[in-house]
Amino acid sequence: MLFLVVALLLLGAVLGTVAHAPLTFSVAAGLVIAVWLGVFAVRERYGRRRTTSTH
């Protein structure tokens, strides 16, 4: 529960910052985050397929 409260507080701070940042910076930061999440998702997907389950 505490994790959710902290996450919501950080989200509010980030959204407040984005509201005052220039649009080009916000779009560039959004693209960087999207690429990072995409790379993470691909690595997770292919990383889990290589490992074998012990069950």
Protein backbone atom coordinates (compact mmCIF):
# COMPACT_ATOMS: atom_id res chain seq x y z
CA MET A 1 0.00 0.00 0.00
CA LEU A 2 2.82 2.37 0.82
CA PHE A 3 4.37 1.63 -2.58
CA LEU A 4 1.14 2.74 -4.30
CA VAL A 5 1.05 5.99 -2.33
CA VAL A 6 4.66 6.79 -3.24
CA ALA A 7 4.03 5.87 -6.89
CA LEU A 8 1.01 8.18 -7.05
CA LEU A 9 2.96 11.02 -5.44
CA LEU A 10 5.79 10.61 -7.95
CA LEU A 11 3.31 10.43 -10.83
CA GLY A 12 1.73 13.67 -9.68
CA ALA A 13 5.12 15.37 -9.48
CA VAL A 14 6.09 14.16 -12.95
CA LEU A 15 2.79 15.21 -14.51
CA GLY A 16 3.09 18.60 -12.86
CA THR A 17 6.58 18.97 -14.30
CA VAL A 18 5.45 17.94 -17.78
CA ALA A 19 2.68 20.52 -17.69
CA HIS A 20 5.31 23.26 -17.38
CA ALA A 21 7.87 21.78 -19.78
CA PRO A 22 7.95 22.65 -23.48
CA LEU A 23 5.98 20.32 -25.75
CA THR A 24 9.06 19.17 -27.68
CA PHE A 25 10.80 18.12 -24.47
CA SER A 26 7.72 16.25 -23.27
CA VAL A 27 7.40 14.39 -26.58
CA ALA A 28 11.12 13.55 -26.64
CA ALA A 29 11.02 12.27 -23.06
CA GLY A 30 7.91 10.23 -23.87
CA LEU A 31 9.63 8.66 -26.88
CA VAL A 32 12.70 7.78 -24.83
CA ILE A 33 10.54 6.12 -22.18
CA ALA A 34 8.51 4.26 -24.83
CA VAL A 35 11.67 2.90 -26.49
CA TRP A 36 13.09 1.90 -23.12
CA LEU A 37 9.90 0.04 -22.20
CA GLY A 38 9.82 -1.61 -25.62
CA VAL A 39 13.38 -2.87 -25.27
CA PHE A 40 12.61 -4.11 -21.78
CA ALA A 41 9.52 -5.98 -23.00
CA VAL A 42 11.42 -7.64 -25.84
CA ARG A 43 14.26 -8.69 -23.54
CA GLU A 44 11.80 -10.10 -21.01
CA ARG A 45 9.86 -12.02 -23.65
CA TYR A 46 12.90 -13.63 -25.27
CA GLY A 47 14.73 -14.07 -21.97
CA ARG A 48 11.90 -16.10 -20.48
CA ARG A 49 11.65 -18.35 -23.52
CA ARG A 50 15.29 -19.40 -23.21
CA THR A 51 15.06 -20.52 -19.60
CA THR A 52 13.49 -23.86 -18.81
CA SER A 53 11.00 -24.42 -16.05
CA THR A 54 11.90 -26.76 -13.19
CA HIS A 55 8.30 -27.94 -12.77
